[in-house]
C-alpha atoms as a PDB file:
ATOM      1  CA  MET A   1       0.009  -0.051   0.073  1.00  0.00           C
ATOM      2  CA  VAL A   2       1.376   3.580  -0.981  1.00  0.00           C
ATOM      3  CA  ILE A   3       1.172   6.043   1.879  1.00  0.00           C
ATOM      4  CA  TYR A   4       2.116   9.646   2.228  1.00  0.00           C
ATOM      5  CA  HIS A   5       3.842  12.039   5.151  1.00  0.00           C
ATOM      6  CA  GLY A   6       3.186  15.490   4.400  1.00  0.00           C
ATOM      7  CA  SER A   7       6.130  17.721   5.960  1.00  0.00           C
ATOM      8  CA  ASN A   8       8.523  20.531   4.948  1.00  0.00           C
ATOM      9  CA  ILE A   9      11.252  18.132   4.956  1.00  0.00           C
ATOM     10  CA  VAL A  10      12.099  14.668   3.318  1.00  0.00           C
ATOM     11  CA  VAL A  11      11.651  11.850   5.788  1.00  0.00           C
ATOM     12  CA  GLU A  12      13.584   9.069   4.691  1.00  0.00           C
ATOM     13  CA  GLN A  13      14.007   7.436   8.136  1.00  0.00           C
ATOM     14  CA  PRO A  14      10.390   8.036  10.215  1.00  0.00           C
ATOM     15  CA  ILE A  15      11.020   8.351  13.958  1.00  0.00           C
ATOM     16  CA  ILE A  16       8.293   8.315  16.656  1.00  0.00           C
ATOM     17  CA  LEU A  17       8.053  11.965  17.743  1.00  0.00           C
ATOM     18  CA  GLN A  18       6.897  13.190  21.182  1.00  0.00           C
ATOM     19  CA  SER A  19       4.622  16.078  20.224  1.00  0.00           C
ATOM     20  CA  GLU A  20       3.517  19.054  22.537  1.00  0.00           C
ATOM     21  CA  ARG A  21       0.127  18.957  21.210  1.00  0.00           C
ATOM     22  CA  MET A  22      -2.350  16.266  22.137  1.00  0.00           C
ATOM     23  CA  LEU A  23      -3.325  14.577  18.810  1.00  0.00           C
ATOM     24  CA  ASP A  24      -6.142  12.218  17.482  1.00  0.00           C
ATOM     25  CA  PHE A  25      -4.154   8.963  17.953  1.00  0.00           C
ATOM     26  CA  SER A  26      -1.419   9.921  20.370  1.00  0.00           C
ATOM     27  CA  ILE A  27       2.283  10.208  19.625  1.00  0.00           C
ATOM     28  CA  GLY A  28       3.837   8.734  16.560  1.00  0.00           C
ATOM     29  CA  PHE A  29       4.381   9.150  12.951  1.00  0.00           C
ATOM     30  CA  TYR A  30       1.380  10.149  10.883  1.00  0.00           C
ATOM     31  CA  THR A  31       0.474   8.930   7.423  1.00  0.00           C
ATOM     32  CA  THR A  32      -2.260   8.783   5.155  1.00  0.00           C
ATOM     33  CA  PRO A  33      -3.060   6.640   2.030  1.00  0.00           C
ATOM     34  CA  ILE A  34      -4.705   9.974   0.550  1.00  0.00           C
ATOM     35  CA  LYS A  35      -2.292  12.348  -1.184  1.00  0.00           C
ATOM     36  CA  GLU A  36      -4.820  15.218  -1.084  1.00  0.00           C
ATOM     37  CA  GLN A  37      -4.878  14.494   2.921  1.00  0.00           C
ATOM     38  CA  ALA A  38      -0.859  14.699   2.860  1.00  0.00           C
ATOM     39  CA  LEU A  39      -0.948  17.714   0.924  1.00  0.00           C
ATOM     40  CA  ARG A  40      -3.291  19.642   3.412  1.00  0.00           C
ATOM     41  CA  TRP A  41      -0.919  18.584   6.196  1.00  0.00           C
ATOM     42  CA  THR A  42       2.187  20.136   4.397  1.00  0.00           C
ATOM     43  CA  GLU A  43       0.105  23.692   4.203  1.00  0.00           C
ATOM     44  CA  GLN A  44      -0.384  23.331   7.989  1.00  0.00           C
ATOM     45  CA  ILE A  45       3.078  22.753   8.767  1.00  0.00           C
ATOM     46  CA  ILE A  46       4.897  25.123   6.626  1.00  0.00           C
ATOM     47  CA  ARG A  47       2.727  27.770   8.509  1.00  0.00           C
ATOM     48  CA  ARG A  48       4.519  26.748  11.880  1.00  0.00           C
ATOM     49  CA  ARG A  49       7.946  25.572  10.780  1.00  0.00           C
ATOM     50  CA  GLU A  50      11.017  26.458   8.499  1.00  0.00           C
ATOM     51  CA  PRO A  51      11.736  25.877   5.764  1.00  0.00           C
ATOM     52  CA  LYS A  52       8.792  26.726   4.309  1.00  0.00           C
ATOM     53  CA  THR A  53       8.745  23.775   1.636  1.00  0.00           C
ATOM     54  CA  GLN A  54       5.957  21.424   1.046  1.00  0.00           C
ATOM     55  CA  VAL A  55       7.417  18.016   0.784  1.00  0.00           C
ATOM     56  CA  LEU A  56       5.366  14.562   0.581  1.00  0.00           C
ATOM     57  CA  SER A  57       7.459  11.396   1.512  1.00  0.00           C
ATOM     58  CA  ILE A  58       6.244   8.396   0.022  1.00  0.00           C
ATOM     59  CA  TYR A  59       6.298   4.964   1.493  1.00  0.00           C
ATOM     60  CA  ASP A  60       5.412   1.318   0.788  1.00  0.00           C
ATOM     61  CA  PHE A  61       3.507   0.108   3.896  1.00  0.00           C
ATOM     62  CA  ASP A  62       3.459  -3.649   3.976  1.00  0.00           C
ATOM     63  CA  SER A  63      -0.250  -3.795   5.431  1.00  0.00           C
ATOM     64  CA  GLU A  64      -0.620  -7.191   5.072  1.00  0.00           C
ATOM     65  CA  LEU A  65       2.360  -8.482   6.945  1.00  0.00           C
ATOM     66  CA  ALA A  66       1.488  -5.787   9.564  1.00  0.00           C
ATOM     67  CA  ASP A  67      -2.026  -7.285  10.114  1.00  0.00           C
ATOM     68  CA  ARG A  68      -0.514 -10.477  11.041  1.00  0.00           C
ATOM     69  CA  GLU A  69       2.108  -9.487  13.174  1.00  0.00           C
ATOM     70  CA  LEU A  70       1.223  -6.226  15.146  1.00  0.00           C
ATOM     71  CA  ALA A  71      -1.705  -4.866  17.115  1.00  0.00           C
ATOM     72  CA  ILE A  72      -3.709  -2.546  15.046  1.00  0.00           C
ATOM     73  CA  VAL A  73      -6.552  -0.514  16.308  1.00  0.00           C
ATOM     74  CA  ARG A  74      -8.984   0.143  13.219  1.00  0.00           C
ATOM     75  CA  TYR A  75     -11.625   2.664  12.966  1.00  0.00           C
ATOM     76  CA  PHE A  76     -13.988   2.296   9.715  1.00  0.00           C
ATOM     77  CA  GLU A  77     -16.266   5.518  10.603  1.00  0.00           C
ATOM     78  CA  PRO A  78     -16.575   7.959  13.404  1.00  0.00           C
ATOM     79  CA  ASP A  79     -18.433   5.583  16.068  1.00  0.00           C
ATOM     80  CA  GLY A  80     -18.599   5.597  19.735  1.00  0.00           C
ATOM     81  CA  GLU A  81     -15.284   3.753  20.017  1.00  0.00           C
ATOM     82  CA  TRP A  82     -13.595   6.075  17.585  1.00  0.00           C
ATOM     83  CA  LEU A  83     -14.988   9.059  19.514  1.00  0.00           C
ATOM     84  CA  ASP A  84     -13.712   7.719  22.791  1.00  0.00           C
ATOM     85  CA  PHE A  85     -10.280   6.752  21.375  1.00  0.00           C
ATOM     86  CA  VAL A  86      -9.873  10.445  20.096  1.00  0.00           C
ATOM     87  CA  SER A  87     -11.295  12.118  23.007  1.00  0.00           C
ATOM     88  CA  ALA A  88      -8.730  10.087  25.338  1.00  0.00           C
ATOM     89  CA  ASN A  89      -5.744  10.855  23.315  1.00  0.00           C
ATOM     90  CA  ARG A  90      -6.205  14.679  22.808  1.00  0.00           C
ATOM     91  CA  MET A  91      -7.196  14.883  26.621  1.00  0.00           C
ATOM     92  CA  GLY A  92      -3.465  12.904  27.363  1.00  0.00           C
ATOM     93  CA  ARG A  93      -5.225   9.976  28.796  1.00  0.00           C
ATOM     94  CA  GLY A  94      -4.014   7.546  26.018  1.00  0.00           C
ATOM     95  CA  ALA A  95      -5.481   4.136  24.909  1.00  0.00           C
ATOM     96  CA  ALA A  96      -7.019   1.546  27.070  1.00  0.00           C
ATOM     97  CA  ARG A  97      -5.081  -1.199  25.288  1.00  0.00           C
ATOM     98  CA  PRO A  98      -1.458  -1.257  23.736  1.00  0.00           C
ATOM     99  CA  TYR A  99      -1.138  -1.048  20.042  1.00  0.00           C
ATOM    100  CA  ASP A 100       1.465  -0.536  17.361  1.00  0.00           C
ATOM    101  CA  ILE A 101      -0.743   1.127  14.548  1.00  0.00           C
ATOM    102  CA  ALA A 102      -3.953   3.007  14.714  1.00  0.00           C
ATOM    103  CA  ILE A 103      -5.859   3.604  11.552  1.00  0.00           C
ATOM    104  CA  GLY A 104      -9.391   5.565  11.115  1.00  0.00           C
ATOM    105  CA  PRO A 105     -10.872   8.915  10.230  1.00  0.00           C
ATOM    106  CA  VAL A 106      -8.949  12.208  10.866  1.00  0.00           C
ATOM    107  CA  ALA A 107     -10.380  14.750  13.445  1.00  0.00           C
ATOM    108  CA  ASN A 108      -9.674  17.935  11.750  1.00  0.00           C
ATOM    109  CA  ASP A 109     -10.607  21.326  13.251  1.00  0.00           C
ATOM    110  CA  LYS A 110     -14.214  21.439  12.097  1.00  0.00           C
ATOM    111  CA  VAL A 111     -14.462  17.687  13.292  1.00  0.00           C
ATOM    112  CA  TYR A 112     -12.664  18.329  16.572  1.00  0.00           C
ATOM    113  CA  SER A 113     -15.114  21.278  17.656  1.00  0.00           C
ATOM    114  CA  VAL A 114     -17.812  18.084  17.728  1.00  0.00           C
ATOM    115  CA  VAL A 115     -15.371  16.131  19.872  1.00  0.00           C
ATOM    116  CA  GLN A 116     -14.838  19.213  22.211  1.00  0.00           C
ATOM    117  CA  PHE A 117     -18.651  19.750  22.726  1.00  0.00           C
ATOM    118  CA  TYR A 118     -18.707  15.872  23.284  1.00  0.00           C
ATOM    119  CA  GLU A 119     -15.985  16.163  25.798  1.00  0.00           C
ATOM    120  CA  ASN A 120     -17.430  19.088  27.687  1.00  0.00           C
ATOM    121  CA  GLY A 121     -20.796  17.611  27.809  1.00  0.00           C
ATOM    122  CA  VAL A 122     -22.655  19.595  25.219  1.00  0.00           C
ATOM    123  CA  TYR A 123     -23.432  16.719  23.006  1.00  0.00           C
ATOM    124  CA  ASP A 124     -24.054  13.065  24.184  1.00  0.00           C
ATOM    125  CA  LYS A 125     -22.269  10.350  22.375  1.00  0.00           C
ATOM    126  CA  GLU A 126     -25.299   9.716  20.022  1.00  0.00           C
ATOM    127  CA  GLU A 127     -25.540  13.436  19.202  1.00  0.00           C
ATOM    128  CA  ALA A 128     -21.818  13.578  18.390  1.00  0.00           C
ATOM    129  CA  ILE A 129     -21.669  10.724  16.238  1.00  0.00           C
ATOM    130  CA  LYS A 130     -24.812  11.913  14.196  1.00  0.00           C
ATOM    131  CA  ARG A 131     -22.796  15.271  13.385  1.00  0.00           C
ATOM    132  CA  LEU A 132     -19.631  13.440  12.627  1.00  0.00           C
ATOM    133  CA  LYS A 133     -21.059  11.343   9.874  1.00  0.00           C
ATOM    134  CA  VAL A 134     -22.130  14.381   7.659  1.00  0.00           C
ATOM    135  CA  GLU A 135     -18.564  15.453   7.528  1.00  0.00           C
ATOM    136  CA  LYS A 136     -16.078  14.263   4.852  1.00  0.00           C
ATOM    137  CA  LEU A 137     -13.479  12.477   6.974  1.00  0.00           C
ATOM    138  CA  PHE A 138     -10.146  11.586   5.819  1.00  0.00           C
ATOM    139  CA  ILE A 139      -8.066   8.599   6.614  1.00  0.00           C
ATOM    140  CA  GLN A 140      -4.844   8.584   8.967  1.00  0.00           C
ATOM    141  CA  ILE A 141      -2.352   5.823   9.831  1.00  0.00           C
ATOM    142  CA  LEU A 142      -0.451   6.469  12.743  1.00  0.00           C
ATOM    143  CA  PHE A 143       2.740   4.231  13.632  1.00  0.00           C
ATOM    144  CA  HIS A 144       2.805   4.377  17.374  1.00  0.00           C
ATOM    145  CA  SER A 145       5.855   1.940  18.257  1.00  0.00           C
ATOM    146  CA  GLU A 146       9.275   1.709  16.962  1.00  0.00           C
ATOM    147  CA  LYS A 147       8.633  -1.955  15.710  1.00  0.00           C
ATOM    148  CA  SER A 148       5.643  -0.586  13.355  1.00  0.00           C
ATOM    149  CA  LEU A 149       8.054   1.629  11.520  1.00  0.00           C
ATOM    150  CA  SER A 150       9.973  -1.739  10.102  1.00  0.00           C
ATOM    151  CA  TYR A 151       6.858  -2.234   8.103  1.00  0.00           C
ATOM    152  CA  LEU A 152       7.418   1.087   6.359  1.00  0.00           C
ATOM    153  CA  ARG A 153       9.827   1.446   3.238  1.00  0.00           C
ATOM    154  CA  PHE A 154      10.757   4.831   1.846  1.00  0.00           C
ATOM    155  CA  THR A 155      10.334   5.012  -2.072  1.00  0.00           C
ATOM    156  CA  GLY A 156      10.771   8.622  -2.681  1.00  0.00           C
ATOM    157  CA  PHE A 157       9.268  12.122  -2.386  1.00  0.00           C
ATOM    158  CA  GLU A 158       7.937  15.020  -4.209  1.00  0.00           C
ATOM    159  CA  LYS A 159       8.823  18.432  -3.304  1.00  0.00           C
ATOM    160  CA  LEU A 160       5.942  20.842  -3.888  1.00  0.00           C
ATOM    161  CA  GLY A 161       7.349  24.319  -3.532  1.00  0.00           C
ATOM    162  CA  GLY A 162       6.712  26.588  -0.574  1.00  0.00           C
ATOM    163  CA  ALA A 163       4.527  29.018   0.844  1.00  0.00           C
ATOM    164  CA  LYS A 164       2.222  31.387  -0.882  1.00  0.00           C
END
């Protein structure tokens, strides 16, 4: 499976980065099988970092072997389990069980406002899920453990220019 990592630099050797921000699936190396989503990530990153260059690093992910050998958390849609998982990670509580890879919808800024309303008790789970299902959600793949990174093979990159 071809997957992408959007950044401002070429990432030939992915690593698990500790983040100051609380993210959907916790710490790790974030990728997506959707090129359009990776391009959006480059745009967000170059607003915050130097150099102001958009780069897509491209990998082959041996998903079949990973399925057999790793602990993978998979969400096909924004359901109650996904909502609890994202909320726990974004609040710094982490997952209830260990995992190597997490795959599922991205809680972008628009979606995250629904998640925040859920966390703050404004929406119950049913209302939050109803609101999430009308959004176009992209897929992310998080490599959460060092072992999981060995299932990636860097195949190249595309340099897309810089900030406009």
